[in-house]
PDB file of N, CA and C in Angstrom:
ATOM      1  N   MET A   1     146.399  72.085  63.809  1.00  0.00           N
ATOM      2  CA  MET A   1     144.847  70.164  64.400  1.00  0.00           C
ATOM      3  C   MET A   1     143.998  70.684  64.552  1.00  0.00           C
ATOM      4  N   ASP A   2     143.168  69.939  63.765  1.00  0.00           N
ATOM      5  CA  ASP A   2     141.723  70.377  64.343  1.00  0.00           C
ATOM      6  C   ASP A   2     141.101  69.666  65.176  1.00  0.00           C
ATOM      7  N   ILE A   3     139.587  69.970  65.873  1.00  0.00           N
ATOM      8  CA  ILE A   3     139.195  69.679  66.899  1.00  0.00           C
ATOM      9  C   ILE A   3     138.915  67.787  66.818  1.00  0.00           C
ATOM     10  N   GLN A   4     138.571  67.723  65.380  1.00  0.00           N
ATOM     11  CA  GLN A   4     137.837  65.979  65.326  1.00  0.00           C
ATOM     12  C   GLN A   4     139.560  65.352  65.552  1.00  0.00           C
ATOM     13  N   ARG A   5     140.651  65.450  65.467  1.00  0.00           N
ATOM     14  CA  ARG A   5     141.661  64.838  65.521  1.00  0.00           C
ATOM     15  C   ARG A   5     141.936  64.973  67.330  1.00  0.00           C
ATOM     16  N   ALA A   6     142.246  66.181  67.524  1.00  0.00           N
ATOM     17  CA  ALA A   6     142.052  66.141  68.871  1.00  0.00           C
ATOM     18  C   ALA A   6     141.435  64.978  70.015  1.00  0.00           C
ATOM     19  N   GLN A   7     140.325  64.647  69.379  1.00  0.00           N
ATOM     20  CA  GLN A   7     139.200  63.868  69.906  1.00  0.00           C
ATOM     21  C   GLN A   7     139.515  62.930  69.440  1.00  0.00           C
ATOM     22  N   GLN A   8     139.684  62.317  68.578  1.00  0.00           N
ATOM     23  CA  GLN A   8     140.591  60.896  67.957  1.00  0.00           C
ATOM     24  C   GLN A   8     141.686  60.279  68.924  1.00  0.00           C
ATOM     25  N   ILE A   9     142.550  61.282  68.866  1.00  0.00           N
ATOM     26  CA  ILE A   9     143.467  61.085  69.737  1.00  0.00           C
ATOM     27  C   ILE A   9     143.674  61.058  71.372  1.00  0.00           C
ATOM     28  N   LEU A  10     142.403  61.652  71.960  1.00  0.00           N
ATOM     29  CA  LEU A  10     141.991  61.571  73.113  1.00  0.00           C
ATOM     30  C   LEU A  10     141.648  59.859  73.289  1.00  0.00           C
ATOM     31  N   ASN A  11     140.860  59.880  72.611  1.00  0.00           N
ATOM     32  CA  ASN A  11     139.762  58.617  72.498  1.00  0.00           C
ATOM     33  C   ASN A  11     140.736  57.157  72.418  1.00  0.00           C
ATOM     34  N   ALA A  12     141.994  57.745  71.352  1.00  0.00           N
ATOM     35  CA  ALA A  12     143.473  56.351  71.330  1.00  0.00           C
ATOM     36  C   ALA A  12     143.140  55.880  72.097  1.00  0.00           C
ATOM     37  N   GLU A  13     143.402  54.347  71.677  1.00  0.00           N
ATOM     38  CA  GLU A  13     143.983  53.266  73.210  1.00  0.00           C
ATOM     39  C   GLU A  13     145.168  53.276  72.903  1.00  0.00           C
ATOM     40  N   GLU A  14     146.602  53.352  71.780  1.00  0.00           N
ATOM     41  CA  GLU A  14     147.295  53.733  71.830  1.00  0.00           C
ATOM     42  C   GLU A  14     147.893  55.220  71.912  1.00  0.00           C
ATOM     43  N   THR A  15     149.277  55.407  72.612  1.00  0.00           N
ATOM     44  CA  THR A  15     149.495  56.226  73.047  1.00  0.00           C
ATOM     45  C   THR A  15     150.492  57.671  71.389  1.00  0.00           C
ATOM     46  N   ILE A  16     149.936  58.399  71.076  1.00  0.00           N
ATOM     47  CA  ILE A  16     150.257  59.234  69.959  1.00  0.00           C
ATOM     48  C   ILE A  16     150.999  60.686  70.835  1.00  0.00           C
ATOM     49  N   THR A  17     151.997  61.110  70.105  1.00  0.00           N
ATOM     50  CA  THR A  17     152.391  62.243  70.580  1.00  0.00           C
ATOM     51  C   THR A  17     152.520  63.192  69.867  1.00  0.00           C
ATOM     52  N   VAL A  18     152.110  64.380  70.796  1.00  0.00           N
ATOM     53  CA  VAL A  18     151.631  65.684  70.728  1.00  0.00           C
ATOM     54  C   VAL A  18     152.293  66.602  71.067  1.00  0.00           C
ATOM     55  N   LEU A  19     153.170  67.783  70.477  1.00  0.00           N
ATOM     56  CA  LEU A  19     153.315  68.931  70.794  1.00  0.00           C
ATOM     57  C   LEU A  19     152.918  69.897  71.152  1.00  0.00           C
ATOM     58  N   HIS A  20     152.804  70.634  71.968  1.00  0.00           N
ATOM     59  CA  HIS A  20     152.166  72.111  72.074  1.00  0.00           C
ATOM     60  C   HIS A  20     153.644  73.249  72.335  1.00  0.00           C
ATOM     61  N   HIS A  21     153.986  74.431  71.638  1.00  0.00           N
ATOM     62  CA  HIS A  21     155.058  74.719  71.216  1.00  0.00           C
ATOM     63  C   HIS A  21     156.444  74.656  71.680  1.00  0.00           C
ATOM     64  N   GLY A  22     156.315  73.162  71.049  1.00  0.00           N
ATOM     65  CA  GLY A  22     157.466  71.929  70.858  1.00  0.00           C
ATOM     66  C   GLY A  22     157.369  71.182  71.970  1.00  0.00           C
ATOM     67  N   SER A  23     156.781  71.542  73.065  1.00  0.00           N
ATOM     68  CA  SER A  23     156.771  70.890  74.365  1.00  0.00           C
ATOM     69  C   SER A  23     155.408  69.325  74.013  1.00  0.00           C
ATOM     70  N   PRO A  24     156.109  67.544  74.386  1.00  0.00           N
ATOM     71  CA  PRO A  24     155.193  66.893  74.570  1.00  0.00           C
ATOM     72  C   PRO A  24     154.033  67.100  76.041  1.00  0.00           C
ATOM     73  N   ILE A  25     152.911  66.968  75.288  1.00  0.00           N
ATOM     74  CA  ILE A  25     152.102  66.809  75.998  1.00  0.00           C
ATOM     75  C   ILE A  25     150.542  66.108  76.148  1.00  0.00           C
ATOM     76  N   TRP A  26     149.785  65.992  77.109  1.00  0.00           N
ATOM     77  CA  TRP A  26     148.975  64.507  77.106  1.00  0.00           C
ATOM     78  C   TRP A  26     147.516  65.055  77.197  1.00  0.00           C
ATOM     79  N   ILE A  27     146.808  65.570  76.032  1.00  0.00           N
ATOM     80  CA  ILE A  27     145.665  65.888  76.166  1.00  0.00           C
ATOM     81  C   ILE A  27     144.452  65.350  76.981  1.00  0.00           C
ATOM     82  N   GLU A  28     143.756  66.147  77.652  1.00  0.00           N
ATOM     83  CA  GLU A  28     142.705  65.323  78.794  1.00  0.00           C
ATOM     84  C   GLU A  28     141.525  65.304  78.134  1.00  0.00           C
ATOM     85  N   ASN A  29     141.212  66.587  77.845  1.00  0.00           N
ATOM     86  CA  ASN A  29     139.902  66.514  77.293  1.00  0.00           C
ATOM     87  C   ASN A  29     139.889  67.875  76.201  1.00  0.00           C
ATOM     88  N   VAL A  30     138.281  67.662  75.544  1.00  0.00           N
ATOM     89  CA  VAL A  30     138.287  68.641  74.285  1.00  0.00           C
ATOM     90  C   VAL A  30     137.058  69.010  74.578  1.00  0.00           C
ATOM     91  N   PHE A  31     137.118  70.685  74.530  1.00  0.00           N
ATOM     92  CA  PHE A  31     135.981  71.131  73.616  1.00  0.00           C
ATOM     93  C   PHE A  31     135.377  72.029  73.311  1.00  0.00           C
ATOM     94  N   PRO A  32     134.733  70.831  71.930  1.00  0.00           N
ATOM     95  CA  PRO A  32     134.531  71.401  70.422  1.00  0.00           C
ATOM     96  C   PRO A  32     133.945  72.428  70.784  1.00  0.00           C
ATOM     97  N   GLU A  33     133.294  73.608  71.850  1.00  0.00           N
ATOM     98  CA  GLU A  33     132.388  73.916  71.890  1.00  0.00           C
ATOM     99  C   GLU A  33     133.023  75.689  70.911  1.00  0.00           C
ATOM    100  N   ASP A  34     134.199  75.113  71.609  1.00  0.00           N
ATOM    101  CA  ASP A  34     135.368  76.832  71.007  1.00  0.00           C
ATOM    102  C   ASP A  34     137.207  75.812  70.787  1.00  0.00           C
ATOM    103  N   ASP A  35     137.020  75.067  70.207  1.00  0.00           N
ATOM    104  CA  ASP A  35     138.146  74.419  69.621  1.00  0.00           C
ATOM    105  C   ASP A  35     139.187  74.755  70.178  1.00  0.00           C
ATOM    106  N   THR A  36     138.976  74.155  72.188  1.00  0.00           N
ATOM    107  CA  THR A  36     140.044  74.371  73.135  1.00  0.00           C
ATOM    108  C   THR A  36     140.282  72.985  72.874  1.00  0.00           C
ATOM    109  N   ALA A  37     141.358  72.700  74.151  1.00  0.00           N
ATOM    110  CA  ALA A  37     141.685  71.259  74.677  1.00  0.00           C
ATOM    111  C   ALA A  37     142.369  71.798  76.157  1.00  0.00           C
ATOM    112  N   MET A  38     141.581  70.806  77.180  1.00  0.00           N
ATOM    113  CA  MET A  38     143.232  70.944  78.322  1.00  0.00           C
ATOM    114  C   MET A  38     144.075  69.897  78.027  1.00  0.00           C
ATOM    115  N   VAL A  39     145.175  70.372  78.371  1.00  0.00           N
ATOM    116  CA  VAL A  39     146.458  69.884  78.550  1.00  0.00           C
ATOM    117  C   VAL A  39     147.458  69.359  79.569  1.00  0.00           C
ATOM    118  N   LYS A  40     148.342  68.759  79.305  1.00  0.00           N
ATOM    119  CA  LYS A  40     148.772  68.578  81.091  1.00  0.00           C
ATOM    120  C   LYS A  40     150.548  67.926  80.145  1.00  0.00           C
ATOM    121  N   PRO A  41     151.291  69.018  80.721  1.00  0.00           N
ATOM    122  CA  PRO A  41     153.207  68.823  80.136  1.00  0.00           C
ATOM    123  C   PRO A  41     153.113  67.446  80.795  1.00  0.00           C
ATOM    124  N   LEU A  42     154.179  66.397  79.653  1.00  0.00           N
ATOM    125  CA  LEU A  42     154.144  65.630  80.059  1.00  0.00           C
ATOM    126  C   LEU A  42     156.545  65.309  80.322  1.00  0.00           C
ATOM    127  N   ASN A  43     156.704  67.283  80.524  1.00  0.00           N
ATOM    128  CA  ASN A  43     158.098  66.924  80.615  1.00  0.00           C
ATOM    129  C   ASN A  43     158.811  67.609  82.038  1.00  0.00           C
ATOM    130  N   GLY A  44     157.647  66.737  83.014  1.00  0.00           N
ATOM    131  CA  GLY A  44     157.629  67.314  84.225  1.00  0.00           C
ATOM    132  C   GLY A  44     156.989  68.830  84.498  1.00  0.00           C
ATOM    133  N   GLY A  45     156.960  70.049  83.982  1.00  0.00           N
ATOM    134  CA  GLY A  45     155.663  70.834  84.543  1.00  0.00           C
ATOM    135  C   GLY A  45     154.652  70.401  85.370  1.00  0.00           C
ATOM    136  N   GLU A  46     154.365  71.592  85.539  1.00  0.00           N
ATOM    137  CA  GLU A  46     152.988  71.782  86.671  1.00  0.00           C
ATOM    138  C   GLU A  46     151.540  71.939  85.948  1.00  0.00           C
ATOM    139  N   GLY A  47     150.398  71.278  86.659  1.00  0.00           N
ATOM    140  CA  GLY A  47     149.095  71.830  86.203  1.00  0.00           C
ATOM    141  C   GLY A  47     148.887  71.129  84.490  1.00  0.00           C
ATOM    142  N   VAL A  48     148.110  72.024  84.437  1.00  0.00           N
ATOM    143  CA  VAL A  48     146.918  71.719  83.317  1.00  0.00           C
ATOM    144  C   VAL A  48     146.595  73.202  82.722  1.00  0.00           C
ATOM    145  N   TRP A  49     146.444  73.151  81.230  1.00  0.00           N
ATOM    146  CA  TRP A  49     146.629  74.487  80.774  1.00  0.00           C
ATOM    147  C   TRP A  49     145.009  74.227  79.426  1.00  0.00           C
ATOM    148  N   VAL A  50     143.970  74.770  79.114  1.00  0.00           N
ATOM    149  CA  VAL A  50     143.559  74.998  78.247  1.00  0.00           C
ATOM    150  C   VAL A  50     144.197  76.504  76.882  1.00  0.00           C
ATOM    151  N   VAL A  51     144.267  75.199  76.323  1.00  0.00           N
ATOM    152  CA  VAL A  51     144.892  76.340  74.488  1.00  0.00           C
ATOM    153  C   VAL A  51     144.124  75.533  73.296  1.00  0.00           C
ATOM    154  N   PRO A  52     144.097  75.993  71.978  1.00  0.00           N
ATOM    155  CA  PRO A  52     143.308  76.438  71.160  1.00  0.00           C
ATOM    156  C   PRO A  52     144.359  74.641  70.537  1.00  0.00           C
ATOM    157  N   VAL A  53     143.637  73.704  69.661  1.00  0.00           N
ATOM    158  CA  VAL A  53     143.882  72.883  69.376  1.00  0.00           C
ATOM    159  C   VAL A  53     144.736  73.372  68.150  1.00  0.00           C
ATOM    160  N   ALA A  54     144.277  74.459  67.416  1.00  0.00           N
ATOM    161  CA  ALA A  54     145.457  74.724  66.859  1.00  0.00           C
ATOM    162  C   ALA A  54     146.570  74.469  66.821  1.00  0.00           C
ATOM    163  N   GLU A  55     146.861  75.179  68.118  1.00  0.00           N
ATOM    164  CA  GLU A  55     148.404  74.916  68.767  1.00  0.00           C
ATOM    165  C   GLU A  55     149.045  73.747  68.374  1.00  0.00           C
ATOM    166  N   LEU A  56     148.472  73.003  68.575  1.00  0.00           N
ATOM    167  CA  LEU A  56     148.944  71.485  68.722  1.00  0.00           C
ATOM    168  C   LEU A  56     149.117  70.802  67.689  1.00  0.00           C
ATOM    169  N   ILE A  57     150.370  70.244  67.370  1.00  0.00           N
ATOM    170  CA  ILE A  57     151.003  69.444  66.626  1.00  0.00           C
ATOM    171  C   ILE A  57     150.746  67.853  66.807  1.00  0.00           C
ATOM    172  N   GLU A  58     150.583  66.983  65.836  1.00  0.00           N
ATOM    173  CA  GLU A  58     150.960  65.363  65.946  1.00  0.00           C
ATOM    174  C   GLU A  58     152.443  65.472  65.723  1.00  0.00           C
ATOM    175  N   ASP A  59     153.078  64.678  66.485  1.00  0.00           N
ATOM    176  CA  ASP A  59     154.638  64.355  66.094  1.00  0.00           C
ATOM    177  C   ASP A  59     154.955  62.720  65.572  1.00  0.00           C
TER     178      ASP A  59
END
């Protein structure tokens, strides 16, 4: 995924499924300056992570 698409998903009114290494996540924030995003797991995991947007896949 690229940074523009991640930003579109973050701002979308509808829910768009996004995966990080096969696990569903929620995009909390996008950081264009270093092409990363803050994500939260949707499968019961705890915490938030900052990951490269290139690792995110729209399902």
